[in-house]
PDB file of all heavy atoms in Angstrom:
ATOM      1  N   ASN A   1    -116.430 -73.675  21.921  1.00  0.00           N
ATOM      2  CA  ASN A   1    -117.383 -72.720  22.491  1.00  0.00           C
ATOM      3  C   ASN A   1    -116.739 -71.343  22.646  1.00  0.00           C
ATOM      4  O   ASN A   1    -117.379 -70.308  22.383  1.00  0.00           O
ATOM      5  CB  ASN A   1    -117.892 -73.198  23.848  1.00  0.00           C
ATOM      6  CG  ASN A   1    -118.622 -74.521  23.767  1.00  0.00           C
ATOM      7  OD1 ASN A   1    -119.001 -74.967  22.688  1.00  0.00           O
ATOM      8  ND2 ASN A   1    -118.821 -75.153  24.903  1.00  0.00           N
ATOM      9  N   PHE A   2    -115.471 -71.323  23.088  1.00  0.00           N
ATOM     10  CA  PHE A   2    -114.789 -70.043  23.230  1.00  0.00           C
ATOM     11  C   PHE A   2    -114.551 -69.382  21.879  1.00  0.00           C
ATOM     12  O   PHE A   2    -114.684 -68.166  21.738  1.00  0.00           O
ATOM     13  CB  PHE A   2    -113.478 -70.229  23.992  1.00  0.00           C
ATOM     14  CG  PHE A   2    -113.662 -70.275  25.486  1.00  0.00           C
ATOM     15  CD1 PHE A   2    -113.587 -71.480  26.169  1.00  0.00           C
ATOM     16  CD2 PHE A   2    -113.894 -69.115  26.207  1.00  0.00           C
ATOM     17  CE1 PHE A   2    -113.767 -71.525  27.541  1.00  0.00           C
ATOM     18  CE2 PHE A   2    -114.074 -69.153  27.584  1.00  0.00           C
ATOM     19  CZ  PHE A   2    -114.010 -70.366  28.254  1.00  0.00           C
ATOM     20  N   TYR A   3    -114.189 -70.184  20.869  1.00  0.00           N
ATOM     21  CA  TYR A   3    -114.029 -69.614  19.531  1.00  0.00           C
ATOM     22  C   TYR A   3    -115.319 -68.932  19.063  1.00  0.00           C
ATOM     23  O   TYR A   3    -115.283 -67.902  18.397  1.00  0.00           O
ATOM     24  CB  TYR A   3    -113.647 -70.706  18.526  1.00  0.00           C
ATOM     25  CG  TYR A   3    -112.215 -71.158  18.562  1.00  0.00           C
ATOM     26  CD1 TYR A   3    -111.875 -72.506  18.362  1.00  0.00           C
ATOM     27  CD2 TYR A   3    -111.168 -70.256  18.763  1.00  0.00           C
ATOM     28  CE1 TYR A   3    -110.549 -72.927  18.380  1.00  0.00           C
ATOM     29  CE2 TYR A   3    -109.848 -70.682  18.796  1.00  0.00           C
ATOM     30  CZ  TYR A   3    -109.544 -72.015  18.593  1.00  0.00           C
ATOM     31  OH  TYR A   3    -108.237 -72.434  18.605  1.00  0.00           O
ATOM     32  N   ALA A   4    -116.448 -69.555  19.395  1.00  0.00           N
ATOM     33  CA  ALA A   4    -117.739 -69.009  18.973  1.00  0.00           C
ATOM     34  C   ALA A   4    -118.200 -67.824  19.824  1.00  0.00           C
ATOM     35  O   ALA A   4    -119.150 -67.138  19.451  1.00  0.00           O
ATOM     36  CB  ALA A   4    -118.805 -70.119  19.012  1.00  0.00           C
ATOM     37  N   ALA A   5    -117.520 -67.608  20.942  1.00  0.00           N
ATOM     38  CA  ALA A   5    -117.977 -66.581  21.891  1.00  0.00           C
ATOM     39  C   ALA A   5    -117.169 -65.288  21.843  1.00  0.00           C
ATOM     40  O   ALA A   5    -117.688 -64.227  22.167  1.00  0.00           O
ATOM     41  CB  ALA A   5    -117.955 -67.151  23.313  1.00  0.00           C
ATOM     42  N   VAL A   6    -115.874 -65.374  21.481  1.00  0.00           N
ATOM     43  CA  VAL A   6    -114.988 -64.210  21.633  1.00  0.00           C
ATOM     44  C   VAL A   6    -114.977 -63.353  20.369  1.00  0.00           C
ATOM     45  O   VAL A   6    -115.486 -63.729  19.323  1.00  0.00           O
ATOM     46  CB  VAL A   6    -113.556 -64.660  22.002  1.00  0.00           C
ATOM     47  CG1 VAL A   6    -113.563 -65.473  23.271  1.00  0.00           C
ATOM     48  CG2 VAL A   6    -112.906 -65.435  20.841  1.00  0.00           C
ATOM     49  N   ASP A   7    -114.326 -62.185  20.474  1.00  0.00           N
ATOM     50  CA  ASP A   7    -114.235 -61.264  19.338  1.00  0.00           C
ATOM     51  C   ASP A   7    -113.094 -61.620  18.391  1.00  0.00           C
ATOM     52  O   ASP A   7    -113.220 -61.404  17.173  1.00  0.00           O
ATOM     53  CB  ASP A   7    -114.053 -59.833  19.861  1.00  0.00           C
ATOM     54  CG  ASP A   7    -115.277 -59.354  20.625  1.00  0.00           C
ATOM     55  OD1 ASP A   7    -116.326 -59.137  19.999  1.00  0.00           O
ATOM     56  OD2 ASP A   7    -115.191 -59.231  21.865  1.00  0.00           O
ATOM     57  N   LEU A   8    -112.002 -62.099  18.907  1.00  0.00           N
ATOM     58  CA  LEU A   8    -110.872 -62.522  18.072  1.00  0.00           C
ATOM     59  C   LEU A   8    -109.956 -63.407  18.908  1.00  0.00           C
ATOM     60  O   LEU A   8    -110.056 -63.446  20.141  1.00  0.00           O
ATOM     61  CB  LEU A   8    -110.108 -61.334  17.513  1.00  0.00           C
ATOM     62  CG  LEU A   8    -109.234 -60.511  18.467  1.00  0.00           C
ATOM     63  CD1 LEU A   8    -108.253 -59.659  17.649  1.00  0.00           C
ATOM     64  CD2 LEU A   8    -110.082 -59.595  19.319  1.00  0.00           C
ATOM     65  N   CYS A   9    -109.060 -64.114  18.211  1.00  0.00           N
ATOM     66  CA  CYS A   9    -108.206 -65.064  18.942  1.00  0.00           C
ATOM     67  C   CYS A   9    -106.808 -65.089  18.333  1.00  0.00           C
ATOM     68  O   CYS A   9    -106.598 -64.802  17.157  1.00  0.00           O
ATOM     69  CB  CYS A   9    -108.813 -66.459  18.921  1.00  0.00           C
ATOM     70  SG  CYS A   9    -108.774 -67.270  17.314  1.00  0.00           S
ATOM     71  N   TRP A  10    -105.871 -65.435  19.191  1.00  0.00           N
ATOM     72  CA  TRP A  10    -104.524 -65.817  18.757  1.00  0.00           C
ATOM     73  C   TRP A  10    -104.439 -67.329  18.948  1.00  0.00           C
ATOM     74  O   TRP A  10    -104.602 -67.823  20.056  1.00  0.00           O
ATOM     75  CB  TRP A  10    -103.465 -65.096  19.591  1.00  0.00           C
ATOM     76  CG  TRP A  10    -102.111 -65.745  19.547  1.00  0.00           C
ATOM     77  CD1 TRP A  10    -101.475 -66.238  18.456  1.00  0.00           C
ATOM     78  CD2 TRP A  10    -101.222 -65.981  20.655  1.00  0.00           C
ATOM     79  NE1 TRP A  10    -100.255 -66.777  18.798  1.00  0.00           N
ATOM     80  CE2 TRP A  10    -100.075 -66.616  20.143  1.00  0.00           C
ATOM     81  CE3 TRP A  10    -101.293 -65.694  22.012  1.00  0.00           C
ATOM     82  CZ2 TRP A  10     -98.997 -66.988  20.947  1.00  0.00           C
ATOM     83  CZ3 TRP A  10    -100.231 -66.056  22.817  1.00  0.00           C
ATOM     84  CH2 TRP A  10     -99.098 -66.696  22.296  1.00  0.00           C
ATOM     85  N   VAL A  11    -104.216 -68.069  17.856  1.00  0.00           N
ATOM     86  CA  VAL A  11    -104.013 -69.506  17.943  1.00  0.00           C
ATOM     87  C   VAL A  11    -102.545 -69.745  18.198  1.00  0.00           C
ATOM     88  O   VAL A  11    -101.679 -69.422  17.361  1.00  0.00           O
ATOM     89  CB  VAL A  11    -104.479 -70.222  16.655  1.00  0.00           C
ATOM     90  CG1 VAL A  11    -104.188 -71.715  16.751  1.00  0.00           C
ATOM     91  CG2 VAL A  11    -105.974 -70.009  16.450  1.00  0.00           C
ATOM     92  N   ALA A  12    -102.226 -70.278  19.366  1.00  0.00           N
ATOM     93  CA  ALA A  12    -100.834 -70.384  19.816  1.00  0.00           C
ATOM     94  C   ALA A  12    -100.160 -71.638  19.273  1.00  0.00           C
ATOM     95  O   ALA A  12    -100.610 -72.243  18.311  1.00  0.00           O
ATOM     96  CB  ALA A  12    -100.798 -70.332  21.351  1.00  0.00           C
ATOM     97  N   GLY A  13     -99.063 -72.018  19.941  1.00  0.00           N
ATOM     98  CA  GLY A  13     -98.209 -73.068  19.372  1.00  0.00           C
ATOM     99  C   GLY A  13     -97.406 -72.536  18.210  1.00  0.00           C
ATOM    100  O   GLY A  13     -96.760 -73.287  17.482  1.00  0.00           O
ATOM    101  N   SER A  14     -97.434 -71.194  18.040  1.00  0.00           N
ATOM    102  CA  SER A  14     -96.817 -70.576  16.871  1.00  0.00           C
ATOM    103  C   SER A  14     -95.666 -69.630  17.244  1.00  0.00           C
ATOM    104  O   SER A  14     -95.024 -69.078  16.369  1.00  0.00           O
ATOM    105  CB  SER A  14     -97.879 -69.804  16.068  1.00  0.00           C
ATOM    106  OG  SER A  14     -98.659 -68.950  16.896  1.00  0.00           O
ATOM    107  N   PHE A  15     -95.407 -69.476  18.549  1.00  0.00           N
ATOM    108  CA  PHE A  15     -94.232 -68.736  19.010  1.00  0.00           C
ATOM    109  C   PHE A  15     -93.249 -69.662  19.737  1.00  0.00           C
ATOM    110  O   PHE A  15     -92.301 -69.203  20.350  1.00  0.00           O
ATOM    111  CB  PHE A  15     -94.630 -67.588  19.940  1.00  0.00           C
ATOM    112  CG  PHE A  15     -95.026 -66.337  19.214  1.00  0.00           C
ATOM    113  CD1 PHE A  15     -96.338 -65.918  19.204  1.00  0.00           C
ATOM    114  CD2 PHE A  15     -94.090 -65.581  18.532  1.00  0.00           C
ATOM    115  CE1 PHE A  15     -96.722 -64.765  18.531  1.00  0.00           C
ATOM    116  CE2 PHE A  15     -94.451 -64.423  17.844  1.00  0.00           C
ATOM    117  CZ  PHE A  15     -95.776 -64.018  17.849  1.00  0.00           C
ATOM    118  N   VAL A  16     -93.513 -70.948  19.686  1.00  0.00           N
ATOM    119  CA  VAL A  16     -92.622 -71.958  20.267  1.00  0.00           C
ATOM    120  C   VAL A  16     -92.381 -73.027  19.196  1.00  0.00           C
ATOM    121  O   VAL A  16     -93.015 -73.031  18.155  1.00  0.00           O
ATOM    122  CB  VAL A  16     -93.226 -72.589  21.540  1.00  0.00           C
ATOM    123  CG1 VAL A  16     -93.263 -71.597  22.687  1.00  0.00           C
ATOM    124  CG2 VAL A  16     -94.636 -73.109  21.256  1.00  0.00           C
ATOM    125  N   ASP A  17     -91.473 -73.940  19.477  1.00  0.00           N
ATOM    126  CA  ASP A  17     -91.101 -74.946  18.487  1.00  0.00           C
ATOM    127  C   ASP A  17     -92.133 -76.084  18.480  1.00  0.00           C
ATOM    128  O   ASP A  17     -91.849 -77.227  18.853  1.00  0.00           O
ATOM    129  CB  ASP A  17     -89.708 -75.495  18.803  1.00  0.00           C
ATOM    130  CG  ASP A  17     -89.185 -76.402  17.696  1.00  0.00           C
ATOM    131  OD1 ASP A  17     -89.710 -76.334  16.565  1.00  0.00           O
ATOM    132  OD2 ASP A  17     -88.250 -77.179  17.959  1.00  0.00           O
ATOM    133  N   VAL A  18     -93.346 -75.739  18.065  1.00  0.00           N
ATOM    134  CA  VAL A  18     -94.453 -76.698  17.993  1.00  0.00           C
ATOM    135  C   VAL A  18     -94.994 -76.810  16.581  1.00  0.00           C
ATOM    136  O   VAL A  18     -95.365 -77.878  16.121  1.00  0.00           O
ATOM    137  CB  VAL A  18     -95.573 -76.307  18.983  1.00  0.00           C
ATOM    138  CG1 VAL A  18     -96.828 -77.129  18.756  1.00  0.00           C
ATOM    139  CG2 VAL A  18     -95.096 -76.486  20.426  1.00  0.00           C
ATOM    140  N   GLY A  19     -95.045 -75.682  15.881  1.00  0.00           N
ATOM    141  CA  GLY A  19     -95.517 -75.704  14.499  1.00  0.00           C
ATOM    142  C   GLY A  19     -96.933 -75.238  14.298  1.00  0.00           C
ATOM    143  O   GLY A  19     -97.492 -75.373  13.215  1.00  0.00           O
ATOM    144  N   GLY A  20     -97.539 -74.673  15.360  1.00  0.00           N
ATOM    145  CA  GLY A  20     -98.885 -74.118  15.224  1.00  0.00           C
ATOM    146  C   GLY A  20     -99.987 -75.128  15.440  1.00  0.00           C
ATOM    147  O   GLY A  20     -99.751 -76.335  15.501  1.00  0.00           O
ATOM    148  N   HIS A  21    -101.201 -74.605  15.576  1.00  0.00           N
ATOM    149  CA  HIS A  21    -102.383 -75.444  15.776  1.00  0.00           C
ATOM    150  C   HIS A  21    -103.465 -75.085  14.756  1.00  0.00           C
ATOM    151  O   HIS A  21    -103.313 -74.147  13.974  1.00  0.00           O
ATOM    152  CB  HIS A  21    -102.892 -75.309  17.208  1.00  0.00           C
ATOM    153  CG  HIS A  21    -101.970 -75.891  18.233  1.00  0.00           C
ATOM    154  ND1 HIS A  21    -101.590 -77.212  18.210  1.00  0.00           N
ATOM    155  CD2 HIS A  21    -101.331 -75.329  19.293  1.00  0.00           C
ATOM    156  CE1 HIS A  21    -100.754 -77.445  19.223  1.00  0.00           C
ATOM    157  NE2 HIS A  21    -100.589 -76.319  19.895  1.00  0.00           N
ATOM    158  N   ASN A  22    -104.545 -75.811  14.814  1.00  0.00           N
ATOM    159  CA  ASN A  22    -105.610 -75.756  13.829  1.00  0.00           C
ATOM    160  C   ASN A  22    -106.282 -74.375  13.776  1.00  0.00           C
ATOM    161  O   ASN A  22    -106.864 -73.924  14.763  1.00  0.00           O
ATOM    162  CB  ASN A  22    -106.650 -76.830  14.173  1.00  0.00           C
ATOM    163  CG  ASN A  22    -107.713 -76.987  13.117  1.00  0.00           C
ATOM    164  OD1 ASN A  22    -107.718 -76.294  12.111  1.00  0.00           O
ATOM    165  ND2 ASN A  22    -108.607 -77.927  13.333  1.00  0.00           N
ATOM    166  N   ILE A  23    -106.203 -73.722  12.617  1.00  0.00           N
ATOM    167  CA  ILE A  23    -106.866 -72.425  12.446  1.00  0.00           C
ATOM    168  C   ILE A  23    -108.249 -72.585  11.814  1.00  0.00           C
ATOM    169  O   ILE A  23    -108.998 -71.607  11.729  1.00  0.00           O
ATOM    170  CB  ILE A  23    -106.026 -71.476  11.578  1.00  0.00           C
ATOM    171  CG1 ILE A  23    -105.800 -72.076  10.175  1.00  0.00           C
ATOM    172  CG2 ILE A  23    -104.715 -71.131  12.268  1.00  0.00           C
ATOM    173  CD1 ILE A  23    -105.124 -71.133   9.202  1.00  0.00           C
ATOM    174  N   LEU A  24    -108.588 -73.792  11.381  1.00  0.00           N
ATOM    175  CA  LEU A  24    -109.867 -73.997  10.703  1.00  0.00           C
ATOM    176  C   LEU A  24    -111.032 -73.971  11.688  1.00  0.00           C
ATOM    177  O   LEU A  24    -112.146 -73.574  11.333  1.00  0.00           O
ATOM    178  CB  LEU A  24    -109.848 -75.315   9.931  1.00  0.00           C
ATOM    179  CG  LEU A  24    -108.801 -75.398   8.829  1.00  0.00           C
ATOM    180  CD1 LEU A  24    -108.831 -76.762   8.166  1.00  0.00           C
ATOM    181  CD2 LEU A  24    -108.993 -74.306   7.787  1.00  0.00           C
ATOM    182  N   GLU A  25    -110.815 -74.416  12.915  1.00  0.00           N
ATOM    183  CA  GLU A  25    -111.884 -74.420  13.906  1.00  0.00           C
ATOM    184  C   GLU A  25    -112.354 -72.999  14.234  1.00  0.00           C
ATOM    185  O   GLU A  25    -113.561 -72.718  14.176  1.00  0.00           O
ATOM    186  CB  GLU A  25    -111.446 -75.159  15.167  1.00  0.00           C
ATOM    187  CG  GLU A  25    -111.326 -76.662  14.975  1.00  0.00           C
ATOM    188  CD  GLU A  25    -110.905 -77.382  16.229  1.00  0.00           C
ATOM    189  OE1 GLU A  25    -110.336 -76.715  17.123  1.00  0.00           O
ATOM    190  OE2 GLU A  25    -111.135 -78.603  16.330  1.00  0.00           O
ATOM    191  N   PRO A  26    -111.448 -72.068  14.583  1.00  0.00           N
ATOM    192  CA  PRO A  26    -111.942 -70.707  14.833  1.00  0.00           C
ATOM    193  C   PRO A  26    -112.524 -70.063  13.574  1.00  0.00           C
ATOM    194  O   PRO A  26    -113.484 -69.300  13.665  1.00  0.00           O
ATOM    195  CB  PRO A  26    -110.694 -69.961  15.313  1.00  0.00           C
ATOM    196  CG  PRO A  26    -109.538 -70.780  14.865  1.00  0.00           C
ATOM    197  CD  PRO A  26    -110.012 -72.184  14.895  1.00  0.00           C
ATOM    198  N   ALA A  27    -111.947 -70.382  12.399  1.00  0.00           N
ATOM    199  CA  ALA A  27    -112.511 -69.851  11.162  1.00  0.00           C
ATOM    200  C   ALA A  27    -113.955 -70.320  10.975  1.00  0.00           C
ATOM    201  O   ALA A  27    -114.836 -69.543  10.604  1.00  0.00           O
ATOM    202  CB  ALA A  27    -111.645 -70.268   9.981  1.00  0.00           C
ATOM    203  N   ALA A  28    -114.203 -71.602  11.245  1.00  0.00           N
ATOM    204  CA  ALA A  28    -115.557 -72.134  11.099  1.00  0.00           C
ATOM    205  C   ALA A  28    -116.518 -71.507  12.089  1.00  0.00           C
ATOM    206  O   ALA A  28    -117.717 -71.389  11.819  1.00  0.00           O
ATOM    207  CB  ALA A  28    -115.530 -73.644  11.284  1.00  0.00           C
ATOM    208  N   CYS A  29    -116.010 -71.086  13.233  1.00  0.00           N
ATOM    209  CA  CYS A  29    -116.839 -70.470  14.268  1.00  0.00           C
ATOM    210  C   CYS A  29    -117.040 -68.971  14.047  1.00  0.00           C
ATOM    211  O   CYS A  29    -117.701 -68.305  14.847  1.00  0.00           O
ATOM    212  CB  CYS A  29    -116.220 -70.692  15.646  1.00  0.00           C
ATOM    213  SG  CYS A  29    -116.263 -72.417  16.200  1.00  0.00           S
ATOM    214  N   GLY A  30    -116.449 -68.428  12.975  1.00  0.00           N
ATOM    215  CA  GLY A  30    -116.628 -67.020  12.672  1.00  0.00           C
ATOM    216  C   GLY A  30    -115.782 -66.093  13.516  1.00  0.00           C
ATOM    217  O   GLY A  30    -116.146 -64.953  13.750  1.00  0.00           O
ATOM    218  N   CYS A  31    -114.626 -66.588  13.967  1.00  0.00           N
ATOM    219  CA  CYS A  31    -113.734 -65.816  14.823  1.00  0.00           C
ATOM    220  C   CYS A  31    -112.529 -65.336  14.019  1.00  0.00           C
ATOM    221  O   CYS A  31    -111.891 -66.142  13.313  1.00  0.00           O
ATOM    222  CB  CYS A  31    -113.272 -66.673  15.999  1.00  0.00           C
ATOM    223  SG  CYS A  31    -112.243 -65.813  17.193  1.00  0.00           S
ATOM    224  N   ALA A  32    -112.195 -64.051  14.096  1.00  0.00           N
ATOM    225  CA  ALA A  32    -110.989 -63.530  13.450  1.00  0.00           C
ATOM    226  C   ALA A  32    -109.753 -64.140  14.130  1.00  0.00           C
ATOM    227  O   ALA A  32    -109.712 -64.255  15.351  1.00  0.00           O
ATOM    228  CB  ALA A  32    -110.959 -62.023  13.542  1.00  0.00           C
TER     229      ALA A  32
END
């Protein structure tokens, strides 16, 4: 819901030793 509501997002897990998270969900919601 937040992906579909905001203007843009930073998908985290990418500045720590985690390896990042799913970028396809915000992309599908039309979020930069």
